[in-house]
């Protein structure tokens, strides 16, 4: 399964702030939206999604860590407000489901800025992470994970605004990355990679896809790529001017799409609900979240989670601004014989 958790707010106004005053206003509004989108409540729904299908592996994007410092000042904020990863793991544990993070990479940026509160300015710090979760309740002879890896991409987007720091100060670096591990299922090994590619600059995103192909995906093992690629399948539903070729480059490199293999006539849109997650009718109009596979693997089934009205939380929140995507994959011993279990 791949699941973008949604960090809780649209950060575009924060990145566009042109003055310290505008930055404080933007951060204040963004963090108010984080609080209103109530990750602890959404995590109940997200944990239900995972618990219902018991995937061996879950690629998680936007597993953010929100921290604060009161009052605002020098140094880095360390007081934890929301740890999305730990909250999700705790909700899964409460359901009797046992998962652990086998690989983690800090992505986006480790960004800190002040917000306004009735008591004065408070620093808010956002640390974004991509994570690969694996089940820990299965005997090693049936399922194990080895060779965990994680790295940031060399290609990234520098953001330079007066409020955020410009030369001679270093610009904010919007970094992305990937995590990977080799899963062993009943003696068969498969490389599993999860990522969250850059959405803002198409050339950077396509270069990151190239880094994946030259890096963790450059293996003779059967391979699965999970993630939010921010590249609309066939350009369908993409915002004009933002179509990218990342998805097509991956297909050209030999990957198959588990969704189209099992739902050839269903567009399977996964993005995006409103920033406040309270839109009454689903806004999903493009497919940018994928389970892709290459090598001796067959897709048996595909499914989405978090896209139905019944999936919303008791207070009316969508579980995330994305739908999640899962697939049942069968490892093949040869080109004609299937076996080795389902992943």
C-alpha atoms as a PDB file:
ATOM      1  CA  UNK A   1       0.000   0.000   0.000  1.00  0.00           C
ATOM      2  CA  UNK A   2       1.046   3.592  -0.580  1.00  0.00           C
ATOM      3  CA  UNK A   3      -0.458   6.290   1.628  1.00  0.00           C
ATOM      4  CA  UNK A   4       0.075  10.036   1.630  1.00  0.00           C
ATOM      5  CA  UNK A   5      -1.009  11.114   5.133  1.00  0.00           C
ATOM      6  CA  UNK A   6      -1.361  14.850   4.285  1.00  0.00           C
ATOM      7  CA  UNK A   7       0.709  17.152   6.434  1.00  0.00           C
ATOM      8  CA  UNK A   8      -2.402  19.139   7.334  1.00  0.00           C
ATOM      9  CA  UNK A   9      -2.148  22.389   5.369  1.00  0.00           C
ATOM     10  CA  UNK A  10      -1.284  23.964   2.049  1.00  0.00           C
ATOM     11  CA  UNK A  11       2.194  25.471   2.469  1.00  0.00           C
ATOM     12  CA  UNK A  12       2.137  27.514  -0.757  1.00  0.00           C
ATOM     13  CA  UNK A  13       1.257  30.779   1.057  1.00  0.00           C
ATOM     14  CA  UNK A  14       4.122  30.172   3.497  1.00  0.00           C
ATOM     15  CA  UNK A  15       6.603  29.665   0.677  1.00  0.00           C
ATOM     16  CA  UNK A  16       5.290  32.758  -1.128  1.00  0.00           C
ATOM     17  CA  UNK A  17       5.578  35.095   1.885  1.00  0.00           C
ATOM     18  CA  UNK A  18       7.552  38.233   0.952  1.00  0.00           C
ATOM     19  CA  UNK A  19       8.058  39.820   4.365  1.00  0.00           C
ATOM     20  CA  UNK A  20       8.415  38.756   7.993  1.00  0.00           C
ATOM     21  CA  UNK A  21       4.873  39.970   8.678  1.00  0.00           C
ATOM     22  CA  UNK A  22       3.463  37.995   5.761  1.00  0.00           C
ATOM     23  CA  UNK A  23       5.406  34.943   6.888  1.00  0.00           C
ATOM     24  CA  UNK A  24       3.957  35.102  10.413  1.00  0.00           C
ATOM     25  CA  UNK A  25       0.434  35.477   8.994  1.00  0.00           C
ATOM     26  CA  UNK A  26       0.911  32.563   6.592  1.00  0.00           C
ATOM     27  CA  UNK A  27       2.387  30.259   9.249  1.00  0.00           C
ATOM     28  CA  UNK A  28      -0.406  31.206  11.674  1.00  0.00           C
ATOM     29  CA  UNK A  29      -3.066  30.292   9.109  1.00  0.00           C
ATOM     30  CA  UNK A  30      -1.285  27.100   8.027  1.00  0.00           C
ATOM     31  CA  UNK A  31      -0.859  25.771  11.553  1.00  0.00           C
ATOM     32  CA  UNK A  32      -4.489  26.598  12.379  1.00  0.00           C
ATOM     33  CA  UNK A  33      -5.407  24.361   9.449  1.00  0.00           C
ATOM     34  CA  UNK A  34      -3.106  21.605  10.761  1.00  0.00           C
ATOM     35  CA  UNK A  35      -4.983  21.734  14.068  1.00  0.00           C
ATOM     36  CA  UNK A  36      -8.378  21.802  12.338  1.00  0.00           C
ATOM     37  CA  UNK A  37      -7.559  18.814  10.145  1.00  0.00           C
ATOM     38  CA  UNK A  38      -6.972  16.861  13.370  1.00  0.00           C
ATOM     39  CA  UNK A  39      -4.479  14.131  12.535  1.00  0.00           C
ATOM     40  CA  UNK A  40      -5.212  12.036  15.658  1.00  0.00           C
ATOM     41  CA  UNK A  41      -8.819  11.709  14.440  1.00  0.00           C
ATOM     42  CA  UNK A  42      -7.772  11.060  10.846  1.00  0.00           C
ATOM     43  CA  UNK A  43      -5.254   8.478  12.014  1.00  0.00           C
ATOM     44  CA  UNK A  44      -8.138   6.343  13.292  1.00  0.00           C
ATOM     45  CA  UNK A  45      -9.461   6.113   9.736  1.00  0.00           C
ATOM     46  CA  UNK A  46      -5.991   5.615   8.249  1.00  0.00           C
ATOM     47  CA  UNK A  47      -5.237   2.817  10.710  1.00  0.00           C
ATOM     48  CA  UNK A  48      -8.552   1.159   9.828  1.00  0.00           C
ATOM     49  CA  UNK A  49      -7.565   1.209   6.151  1.00  0.00           C
ATOM     50  CA  UNK A  50      -4.285  -0.558   6.845  1.00  0.00           C
ATOM     51  CA  UNK A  51      -5.761  -2.961   9.379  1.00  0.00           C
ATOM     52  CA  UNK A  52      -8.502  -4.023   6.964  1.00  0.00           C
ATOM     53  CA  UNK A  53      -6.045  -5.262   4.343  1.00  0.00           C
ATOM     54  CA  UNK A  54      -2.941  -6.166   6.413  1.00  0.00           C
ATOM     55  CA  UNK A  55      -0.369  -5.262   3.737  1.00  0.00           C
ATOM     56  CA  UNK A  56       3.129  -6.596   4.291  1.00  0.00           C
ATOM     57  CA  UNK A  57       4.550  -3.176   3.412  1.00  0.00           C
ATOM     58  CA  UNK A  58       3.220   0.388   3.438  1.00  0.00           C
ATOM     59  CA  UNK A  59       4.957   3.317   1.777  1.00  0.00           C
ATOM     60  CA  UNK A  60       4.040   6.446   3.742  1.00  0.00           C
ATOM     61  CA  UNK A  61       4.475  10.026   2.567  1.00  0.00           C
ATOM     62  CA  UNK A  62       4.076  13.213   4.628  1.00  0.00           C
ATOM     63  CA  UNK A  63       4.687  11.383   7.917  1.00  0.00           C
ATOM     64  CA  UNK A  64       5.424  14.769   9.397  1.00  0.00           C
ATOM     65  CA  UNK A  65       6.701  15.832  12.784  1.00  0.00           C
ATOM     66  CA  UNK A  66       5.322  19.157  14.051  1.00  0.00           C
ATOM     67  CA  UNK A  67       7.269  20.765  16.897  1.00  0.00           C
ATOM     68  CA  UNK A  68       7.039  24.095  18.722  1.00  0.00           C
ATOM     69  CA  UNK A  69       9.092  26.502  20.795  1.00  0.00           C
ATOM     70  CA  UNK A  70       7.485  29.015  23.145  1.00  0.00           C
ATOM     71  CA  UNK A  71       8.317  31.854  23.056  1.00  0.00           C
ATOM     72  CA  UNK A  72       9.823  32.143  19.584  1.00  0.00           C
ATOM     73  CA  UNK A  73      13.553  32.713  19.610  1.00  0.00           C
ATOM     74  CA  UNK A  74      17.001  31.316  18.872  1.00  0.00           C
ATOM     75  CA  UNK A  75      17.556  27.585  18.633  1.00  0.00           C
ATOM     76  CA  UNK A  76      15.375  24.845  17.211  1.00  0.00           C
ATOM     77  CA  UNK A  77      11.882  23.898  18.364  1.00  0.00           C
ATOM     78  CA  UNK A  78      11.868  20.558  20.194  1.00  0.00           C
ATOM     79  CA  UNK A  79       8.450  20.274  21.870  1.00  0.00           C
ATOM     80  CA  UNK A  80       6.458  17.659  19.940  1.00  0.00           C
ATOM     81  CA  UNK A  81       2.967  18.768  18.943  1.00  0.00           C
ATOM     82  CA  UNK A  82       2.142  16.001  16.457  1.00  0.00           C
ATOM     83  CA  UNK A  83       4.280  13.040  15.422  1.00  0.00           C
ATOM     84  CA  UNK A  84       2.215  11.612  12.580  1.00  0.00           C
ATOM     85  CA  UNK A  85       4.299   8.456  12.324  1.00  0.00           C
ATOM     86  CA  UNK A  86       4.096   7.573  16.002  1.00  0.00           C
ATOM     87  CA  UNK A  87       0.395   8.420  16.165  1.00  0.00           C
ATOM     88  CA  UNK A  88      -0.313   6.088  13.229  1.00  0.00           C
ATOM     89  CA  UNK A  89       1.796   3.278  14.699  1.00  0.00           C
ATOM     90  CA  UNK A  90      -0.019   3.656  18.047  1.00  0.00           C
ATOM     91  CA  UNK A  91      -3.432   3.470  16.328  1.00  0.00           C
ATOM     92  CA  UNK A  92      -2.343   0.329  14.486  1.00  0.00           C
ATOM     93  CA  UNK A  93      -1.071  -1.230  17.711  1.00  0.00           C
ATOM     94  CA  UNK A  94      -4.419  -0.487  19.368  1.00  0.00           C
ATOM     95  CA  UNK A  95      -5.997  -2.596  16.609  1.00  0.00           C
ATOM     96  CA  UNK A  96      -3.625  -5.470  17.259  1.00  0.00           C
ATOM     97  CA  UNK A  97      -1.579  -4.672  14.138  1.00  0.00           C
ATOM     98  CA  UNK A  98       2.183  -4.684  14.408  1.00  0.00           C
ATOM     99  CA  UNK A  99       4.236  -2.493  12.094  1.00  0.00           C
ATOM    100  CA  UNK A 100       7.636  -0.832  12.351  1.00  0.00           C
ATOM    101  CA  UNK A 101       9.443   1.788  10.315  1.00  0.00           C
ATOM    102  CA  UNK A 102      12.236  -0.100   8.534  1.00  0.00           C
ATOM    103  CA  UNK A 103      13.539   2.940   6.627  1.00  0.00           C
ATOM    104  CA  UNK A 104      12.962   6.693   6.957  1.00  0.00           C
ATOM    105  CA  UNK A 105      14.207   9.763   5.083  1.00  0.00           C
ATOM    106  CA  UNK A 106      13.704  13.425   5.983  1.00  0.00           C
ATOM    107  CA  UNK A 107      12.318  15.208   2.945  1.00  0.00           C
ATOM    108  CA  UNK A 108      10.845  18.555   1.936  1.00  0.00           C
ATOM    109  CA  UNK A 109      12.756  20.601   4.475  1.00  0.00           C
ATOM    110  CA  UNK A 110      13.250  20.983   8.184  1.00  0.00           C
ATOM    111  CA  UNK A 111      11.531  24.355   8.263  1.00  0.00           C
ATOM    112  CA  UNK A 112      10.862  26.586  11.271  1.00  0.00           C
ATOM    113  CA  UNK A 113       9.057  29.936  11.408  1.00  0.00           C
ATOM    114  CA  UNK A 114       6.972  31.931  13.911  1.00  0.00           C
ATOM    115  CA  UNK A 115       3.225  32.023  14.242  1.00  0.00           C
ATOM    116  CA  UNK A 116       1.079  34.426  16.218  1.00  0.00           C
ATOM    117  CA  UNK A 117      -0.703  33.258  19.392  1.00  0.00           C
ATOM    118  CA  UNK A 118      -2.616  35.205  22.089  1.00  0.00           C
ATOM    119  CA  UNK A 119       0.483  34.873  24.293  1.00  0.00           C
ATOM    120  CA  UNK A 120       2.885  36.112  21.594  1.00  0.00           C
ATOM    121  CA  UNK A 121       5.015  34.537  18.884  1.00  0.00           C
ATOM    122  CA  UNK A 122       5.618  30.783  18.909  1.00  0.00           C
ATOM    123  CA  UNK A 123       8.039  28.981  16.613  1.00  0.00           C
ATOM    124  CA  UNK A 124       6.522  26.124  14.617  1.00  0.00           C
ATOM    125  CA  UNK A 125       8.827  23.540  13.077  1.00  0.00           C
ATOM    126  CA  UNK A 126       7.893  21.129  10.310  1.00  0.00           C
ATOM    127  CA  UNK A 127       9.985  18.043   9.602  1.00  0.00           C
ATOM    128  CA  UNK A 128       8.664  15.986   6.702  1.00  0.00           C
ATOM    129  CA  UNK A 129       9.486  12.288   6.302  1.00  0.00           C
ATOM    130  CA  UNK A 130       8.882   9.400   3.935  1.00  0.00           C
ATOM    131  CA  UNK A 131       8.740   6.017   5.632  1.00  0.00           C
ATOM    132  CA  UNK A 132       8.530   2.355   4.695  1.00  0.00           C
ATOM    133  CA  UNK A 133       6.489   0.370   7.217  1.00  0.00           C
ATOM    134  CA  UNK A 134       6.681  -3.415   7.446  1.00  0.00           C
ATOM    135  CA  UNK A 135       4.751  -5.994   9.405  1.00  0.00           C
ATOM    136  CA  UNK A 136       6.607  -7.379  12.408  1.00  0.00           C
ATOM    137  CA  UNK A 137       4.166 -10.121  13.444  1.00  0.00           C
ATOM    138  CA  UNK A 138       5.115 -12.750  10.860  1.00  0.00           C
ATOM    139  CA  UNK A 139       7.766 -15.460  11.385  1.00  0.00           C
ATOM    140  CA  UNK A 140      11.029 -14.770   9.568  1.00  0.00           C
ATOM    141  CA  UNK A 141      10.644 -17.892   7.442  1.00  0.00           C
ATOM    142  CA  UNK A 142       7.513 -16.321   5.933  1.00  0.00           C
ATOM    143  CA  UNK A 143       8.461 -12.640   5.750  1.00  0.00           C
ATOM    144  CA  UNK A 144      11.459 -10.492   6.648  1.00  0.00           C
ATOM    145  CA  UNK A 145      13.023  -7.229   5.549  1.00  0.00           C
ATOM    146  CA  UNK A 146      16.740  -6.594   5.000  1.00  0.00           C
ATOM    147  CA  UNK A 147      19.042  -4.058   3.359  1.00  0.00           C
ATOM    148  CA  UNK A 148      17.139  -0.921   4.398  1.00  0.00           C
ATOM    149  CA  UNK A 149      18.332   2.195   2.559  1.00  0.00           C
ATOM    150  CA  UNK A 150      17.373   5.866   2.462  1.00  0.00           C
ATOM    151  CA  UNK A 151      18.700   8.951   0.669  1.00  0.00           C
ATOM    152  CA  UNK A 152      17.781  12.436  -0.453  1.00  0.00           C
ATOM    153  CA  UNK A 153      17.731  13.254  -4.157  1.00  0.00           C
ATOM    154  CA  UNK A 154      20.561  15.315  -5.567  1.00  0.00           C
ATOM    155  CA  UNK A 155      18.022  17.302  -7.604  1.00  0.00           C
ATOM    156  CA  UNK A 156      15.911  19.696  -5.543  1.00  0.00           C
ATOM    157  CA  UNK A 157      14.100  23.038  -5.665  1.00  0.00           C
ATOM    158  CA  UNK A 158      15.681  26.075  -3.952  1.00  0.00           C
ATOM    159  CA  UNK A 159      13.123  28.580  -2.667  1.00  0.00           C
ATOM    160  CA  UNK A 160      14.349  32.138  -2.206  1.00  0.00           C
ATOM    161  CA  UNK A 161      12.064  34.708  -0.592  1.00  0.00           C
ATOM    162  CA  UNK A 162      13.067  37.734   1.485  1.00  0.00           C
ATOM    163  CA  UNK A 163      11.118  36.358   4.446  1.00  0.00           C
ATOM    164  CA  UNK A 164      12.773  32.943   4.177  1.00  0.00           C
ATOM    165  CA  UNK A 165      16.355  33.902   3.422  1.00  0.00           C
ATOM    166  CA  UNK A 166      18.132  34.749   0.177  1.00  0.00           C
ATOM    167  CA  UNK A 167      21.770  35.185  -0.773  1.00  0.00           C
ATOM    168  CA  UNK A 168      24.022  35.820   1.027  1.00  0.00           C
ATOM    169  CA  UNK A 169      21.833  33.609   3.228  1.00  0.00           C
ATOM    170  CA  UNK A 170      21.254  30.099   1.792  1.00  0.00           C
ATOM    171  CA  UNK A 171      17.813  29.614   0.254  1.00  0.00           C
ATOM    172  CA  UNK A 172      15.305  27.136   1.622  1.00  0.00           C
ATOM    173  CA  UNK A 173      15.899  23.754   0.020  1.00  0.00           C
ATOM    174  CA  UNK A 174      12.790  21.753  -0.834  1.00  0.00           C
ATOM    175  CA  UNK A 175      14.409  18.339  -0.781  1.00  0.00           C
ATOM    176  CA  UNK A 176      12.811  15.006  -1.599  1.00  0.00           C
ATOM    177  CA  UNK A 177      14.081  11.482  -1.131  1.00  0.00           C
ATOM    178  CA  UNK A 178      13.439   7.768  -1.236  1.00  0.00           C
ATOM    179  CA  UNK A 179      13.546   4.772   1.071  1.00  0.00           C
ATOM    180  CA  UNK A 180      14.016   1.148   0.089  1.00  0.00           C
ATOM    181  CA  UNK A 181      14.400  -2.329   1.497  1.00  0.00           C
ATOM    182  CA  UNK A 182      14.556  -5.903   0.255  1.00  0.00           C
ATOM    183  CA  UNK A 183      11.575  -7.985   1.376  1.00  0.00           C
ATOM    184  CA  UNK A 184      12.000 -11.750   1.614  1.00  0.00           C
ATOM    185  CA  UNK A 185       8.748 -13.645   1.231  1.00  0.00           C
ATOM    186  CA  UNK A 186       9.009 -17.418   1.629  1.00  0.00           C
ATOM    187  CA  UNK A 187      12.528 -17.407   0.223  1.00  0.00           C
ATOM    188  CA  UNK A 188      11.857 -14.965  -2.638  1.00  0.00           C
ATOM    189  CA  UNK A 189      13.424 -11.478  -2.507  1.00  0.00           C
ATOM    190  CA  UNK A 190      11.860  -8.314  -3.938  1.00  0.00           C
ATOM    191  CA  UNK A 191      13.200  -4.753  -3.815  1.00  0.00           C
ATOM    192  CA  UNK A 192      10.570  -2.292  -2.514  1.00  0.00           C
ATOM    193  CA  UNK A 193      11.070   1.453  -2.911  1.00  0.00           C
ATOM    194  CA  UNK A 194       8.822   4.297  -1.797  1.00  0.00           C
ATOM    195  CA  UNK A 195       9.120   7.975  -2.685  1.00  0.00           C
ATOM    196  CA  UNK A 196       7.359  11.325  -2.956  1.00  0.00           C
ATOM    197  CA  UNK A 197       8.508  13.201  -6.051  1.00  0.00           C
ATOM    198  CA  UNK A 198       8.717  16.971  -6.389  1.00  0.00           C
ATOM    199  CA  UNK A 199       5.392  18.588  -7.430  1.00  0.00           C
ATOM    200  CA  UNK A 200       6.470  22.189  -8.137  1.00  0.00           C
ATOM    201  CA  UNK A 201       9.118  21.986 -10.879  1.00  0.00           C
ATOM    202  CA  UNK A 202       8.573  19.336 -13.594  1.00  0.00           C
ATOM    203  CA  UNK A 203      12.226  19.222 -14.661  1.00  0.00           C
ATOM    204  CA  UNK A 204      13.343  18.531 -11.109  1.00  0.00           C
ATOM    205  CA  UNK A 205      10.695  15.839 -10.677  1.00  0.00           C
ATOM    206  CA  UNK A 206      11.737  14.071 -13.870  1.00  0.00           C
ATOM    207  CA  UNK A 207      15.390  14.239 -12.808  1.00  0.00           C
ATOM    208  CA  UNK A 208      14.429  12.635  -9.478  1.00  0.00           C
ATOM    209  CA  UNK A 209      12.683   9.823 -11.338  1.00  0.00           C
ATOM    210  CA  UNK A 210      15.924   9.359 -13.251  1.00  0.00           C
ATOM    211  CA  UNK A 211      17.834   9.159  -9.965  1.00  0.00           C
ATOM    212  CA  UNK A 212      15.504   6.380  -8.837  1.00  0.00           C
ATOM    213  CA  UNK A 213      16.120   4.410 -12.024  1.00  0.00           C
ATOM    214  CA  UNK A 214      19.876   4.829 -11.666  1.00  0.00           C
ATOM    215  CA  UNK A 215      19.836   4.157  -7.930  1.00  0.00           C
ATOM    216  CA  UNK A 216      17.553   1.884  -5.858  1.00  0.00           C
ATOM    217  CA  UNK A 217      15.586   0.693  -8.908  1.00  0.00           C
ATOM    218  CA  UNK A 218      18.789  -0.341 -10.690  1.00  0.00           C
ATOM    219  CA  UNK A 219      18.607  -3.987  -9.643  1.00  0.00           C
ATOM    220  CA  UNK A 220      17.978  -7.372 -11.166  1.00  0.00           C
ATOM    221  CA  UNK A 221      15.581  -8.220  -8.331  1.00  0.00           C
ATOM    222  CA  UNK A 222      11.835  -8.114  -8.884  1.00  0.00           C
ATOM    223  CA  UNK A 223      10.974  -4.541  -7.931  1.00  0.00           C
ATOM    224  CA  UNK A 224       8.005  -2.622  -6.529  1.00  0.00           C
ATOM    225  CA  UNK A 225       7.793   1.170  -6.500  1.00  0.00           C
ATOM    226  CA  UNK A 226       5.209   2.698  -4.167  1.00  0.00           C
ATOM    227  CA  UNK A 227       4.488   6.352  -3.818  1.00  0.00           C
ATOM    228  CA  UNK A 228       3.089   9.735  -4.642  1.00  0.00           C
ATOM    229  CA  UNK A 229       4.874  10.472  -7.905  1.00  0.00           C
ATOM    230  CA  UNK A 230       3.042  13.769  -8.592  1.00  0.00           C
ATOM    231  CA  UNK A 231       2.913  12.679 -12.237  1.00  0.00           C
ATOM    232  CA  UNK A 232      -0.603  12.162 -13.571  1.00  0.00           C
ATOM    233  CA  UNK A 233      -1.070   8.909 -15.486  1.00  0.00           C
ATOM    234  CA  UNK A 234      -1.121   9.829 -19.150  1.00  0.00           C
ATOM    235  CA  UNK A 235      -1.530  13.455 -18.140  1.00  0.00           C
ATOM    236  CA  UNK A 236      -5.196  12.769 -17.303  1.00  0.00           C
ATOM    237  CA  UNK A 237      -6.466  15.316 -14.827  1.00  0.00           C
ATOM    238  CA  UNK A 238      -3.115  17.097 -14.534  1.00  0.00           C
ATOM    239  CA  UNK A 239      -3.148  20.861 -14.149  1.00  0.00           C
ATOM    240  CA  UNK A 240      -2.362  22.462 -17.533  1.00  0.00           C
ATOM    241  CA  UNK A 241       1.315  23.294 -17.749  1.00  0.00           C
ATOM    242  CA  UNK A 242       2.304  20.839 -15.043  1.00  0.00           C
ATOM    243  CA  UNK A 243       2.136  17.561 -16.959  1.00  0.00           C
ATOM    244  CA  UNK A 244       5.283  15.531 -16.381  1.00  0.00           C
ATOM    245  CA  UNK A 245       6.792  12.486 -18.036  1.00  0.00           C
ATOM    246  CA  UNK A 246       7.976  10.772 -14.831  1.00  0.00           C
ATOM    247  CA  UNK A 247       5.226   8.147 -14.952  1.00  0.00           C
ATOM    248  CA  UNK A 248       5.880   7.445 -18.634  1.00  0.00           C
ATOM    249  CA  UNK A 249       9.655   7.225 -18.074  1.00  0.00           C
ATOM    250  CA  UNK A 250       9.090   4.561 -15.410  1.00  0.00           C
ATOM    251  CA  UNK A 251       6.831   2.557 -17.706  1.00  0.00           C
ATOM    252  CA  UNK A 252       9.432   2.858 -20.464  1.00  0.00           C
ATOM    253  CA  UNK A 253      11.982   1.413 -18.017  1.00  0.00           C
ATOM    254  CA  UNK A 254       9.925  -1.773 -17.775  1.00  0.00           C
ATOM    255  CA  UNK A 255       7.540  -1.037 -14.923  1.00  0.00           C
ATOM    256  CA  UNK A 256       3.879  -2.028 -15.034  1.00  0.00           C
ATOM    257  CA  UNK A 257       1.075  -0.224 -13.251  1.00  0.00           C
ATOM    258  CA  UNK A 258      -0.806  -2.444 -10.804  1.00  0.00           C
ATOM    259  CA  UNK A 259      -3.919  -0.269 -11.045  1.00  0.00           C
ATOM    260  CA  UNK A 260      -4.283  -0.382 -14.826  1.00  0.00           C
ATOM    261  CA  UNK A 261      -3.379  -4.079 -14.805  1.00  0.00           C
ATOM    262  CA  UNK A 262      -6.365  -4.824 -12.588  1.00  0.00           C
ATOM    263  CA  UNK A 263      -8.739  -1.908 -13.420  1.00  0.00           C
ATOM    264  CA  UNK A 264      -8.148  -1.089 -17.090  1.00  0.00           C
ATOM    265  CA  UNK A 265     -11.361   0.956 -17.438  1.00  0.00           C
ATOM    266  CA  UNK A 266     -11.320   2.760 -14.084  1.00  0.00           C
ATOM    267  CA  UNK A 267      -9.391   6.066 -13.880  1.00  0.00           C
ATOM    268  CA  UNK A 268      -8.660   5.426 -10.182  1.00  0.00           C
ATOM    269  CA  UNK A 269      -8.198   9.081  -9.235  1.00  0.00           C
ATOM    270  CA  UNK A 270      -6.250   9.673  -6.017  1.00  0.00           C
ATOM    271  CA  UNK A 271      -5.879  13.459  -5.684  1.00  0.00           C
ATOM    272  CA  UNK A 272      -6.887  15.835  -4.157  1.00  0.00           C
ATOM    273  CA  UNK A 273      -9.409  16.823  -1.523  1.00  0.00           C
ATOM    274  CA  UNK A 274      -9.686  20.393  -0.237  1.00  0.00           C
ATOM    275  CA  UNK A 275      -7.002  21.716   2.097  1.00  0.00           C
ATOM    276  CA  UNK A 276      -9.457  21.685   5.021  1.00  0.00           C
ATOM    277  CA  UNK A 277     -10.585  18.109   4.144  1.00  0.00           C
ATOM    278  CA  UNK A 278     -14.232  19.119   4.540  1.00  0.00           C
ATOM    279  CA  UNK A 279     -15.378  19.269   0.919  1.00  0.00           C
ATOM    280  CA  UNK A 280     -18.759  17.469   0.888  1.00  0.00           C
ATOM    281  CA  UNK A 281     -18.211  15.872  -2.532  1.00  0.00           C
ATOM    282  CA  UNK A 282     -14.953  14.154  -3.397  1.00  0.00           C
ATOM    283  CA  UNK A 283     -12.534  16.306  -5.404  1.00  0.00           C
ATOM    284  CA  UNK A 284     -10.329  13.475  -6.678  1.00  0.00           C
ATOM    285  CA  UNK A 285      -9.638  14.280 -10.338  1.00  0.00           C
ATOM    286  CA  UNK A 286      -6.175  12.891 -11.105  1.00  0.00           C
ATOM    287  CA  UNK A 287      -4.151   9.747 -10.439  1.00  0.00           C
ATOM    288  CA  UNK A 288      -0.681  10.430  -9.050  1.00  0.00           C
ATOM    289  CA  UNK A 289      -0.300   7.678  -6.403  1.00  0.00           C
ATOM    290  CA  UNK A 290       0.921   4.314  -7.625  1.00  0.00           C
ATOM    291  CA  UNK A 291       1.983   0.764  -7.055  1.00  0.00           C
ATOM    292  CA  UNK A 292       4.340  -0.036  -9.941  1.00  0.00           C
ATOM    293  CA  UNK A 293       6.149  -3.338 -10.423  1.00  0.00           C
ATOM    294  CA  UNK A 294       8.782  -4.914 -12.630  1.00  0.00           C
ATOM    295  CA  UNK A 295      10.190  -8.422 -13.024  1.00  0.00           C
ATOM    296  CA  UNK A 296       8.661 -11.717 -12.019  1.00  0.00           C
ATOM    297  CA  UNK A 297       5.583 -10.234 -10.352  1.00  0.00           C
ATOM    298  CA  UNK A 298       1.909 -10.443 -11.249  1.00  0.00           C
ATOM    299  CA  UNK A 299      -0.768  -8.009 -10.036  1.00  0.00           C
ATOM    300  CA  UNK A 300      -3.754  -9.971  -8.718  1.00  0.00           C
ATOM    301  CA  UNK A 301      -5.836  -7.128  -7.309  1.00  0.00           C
ATOM    302  CA  UNK A 302      -5.802  -3.377  -6.790  1.00  0.00           C
ATOM    303  CA  UNK A 303      -7.838  -1.156  -4.524  1.00  0.00           C
ATOM    304  CA  UNK A 304      -8.172   2.393  -3.270  1.00  0.00           C
ATOM    305  CA  UNK A 305      -8.804   3.451   0.312  1.00  0.00           C
ATOM    306  CA  UNK A 306     -10.110   6.678   1.802  1.00  0.00           C
ATOM    307  CA  UNK A 307     -12.083   7.785  -1.259  1.00  0.00           C
ATOM    308  CA  UNK A 308     -15.649   6.903  -0.215  1.00  0.00           C
ATOM    309  CA  UNK A 309     -18.040   9.030   1.829  1.00  0.00           C
ATOM    310  CA  UNK A 310     -18.174   6.238   4.403  1.00  0.00           C
ATOM    311  CA  UNK A 311     -14.415   6.604   4.925  1.00  0.00           C
ATOM    312  CA  UNK A 312     -14.741  10.098   6.413  1.00  0.00           C
ATOM    313  CA  UNK A 313     -14.176  10.654  10.109  1.00  0.00           C
ATOM    314  CA  UNK A 314     -17.020  11.276  12.587  1.00  0.00           C
ATOM    315  CA  UNK A 315     -16.462  15.041  12.323  1.00  0.00           C
ATOM    316  CA  UNK A 316     -16.583  14.919   8.500  1.00  0.00           C
ATOM    317  CA  UNK A 317     -12.877  14.967   7.589  1.00  0.00           C
ATOM    318  CA  UNK A 318     -11.498  12.978   4.677  1.00  0.00           C
ATOM    319  CA  UNK A 319      -8.708  10.709   5.994  1.00  0.00           C
ATOM    320  CA  UNK A 320      -6.225  12.586   3.771  1.00  0.00           C
ATOM    321  CA  UNK A 321      -6.212  14.872   0.760  1.00  0.00           C
ATOM    322  CA  UNK A 322      -5.187  11.764  -1.216  1.00  0.00           C
ATOM    323  CA  UNK A 323      -6.736   8.360  -1.586  1.00  0.00           C
ATOM    324  CA  UNK A 324      -4.407   5.488  -0.795  1.00  0.00           C
ATOM    325  CA  UNK A 325      -3.622   2.705  -3.259  1.00  0.00           C
ATOM    326  CA  UNK A 326      -3.012  -0.940  -2.474  1.00  0.00           C
ATOM    327  CA  UNK A 327      -2.272  -3.997  -4.535  1.00  0.00           C
ATOM    328  CA  UNK A 328      -1.984  -7.728  -4.038  1.00  0.00           C
ATOM    329  CA  UNK A 329       1.110  -8.855  -5.925  1.00  0.00           C
ATOM    330  CA  UNK A 330       2.171 -12.437  -6.567  1.00  0.00           C
ATOM    331  CA  UNK A 331       5.844 -13.286  -6.898  1.00  0.00           C
ATOM    332  CA  UNK A 332       6.600 -15.694  -9.734  1.00  0.00           C
ATOM    333  CA  UNK A 333       9.311 -18.348  -9.596  1.00  0.00           C
ATOM    334  CA  UNK A 334       9.672 -18.166 -13.374  1.00  0.00           C
ATOM    335  CA  UNK A 335       8.023 -16.487 -16.312  1.00  0.00           C
ATOM    336  CA  UNK A 336       5.286 -19.133 -16.343  1.00  0.00           C
ATOM    337  CA  UNK A 337       5.054 -20.491 -12.788  1.00  0.00           C
ATOM    338  CA  UNK A 338       3.587 -18.440  -9.940  1.00  0.00           C
ATOM    339  CA  UNK A 339       4.314 -19.056  -6.319  1.00  0.00           C
ATOM    340  CA  UNK A 340       6.237 -17.795  -3.355  1.00  0.00           C
ATOM    341  CA  UNK A 341       3.286 -16.079  -1.765  1.00  0.00           C
ATOM    342  CA  UNK A 342       1.408 -12.798  -2.070  1.00  0.00           C
ATOM    343  CA  UNK A 343       2.910  -9.441  -1.230  1.00  0.00           C
END
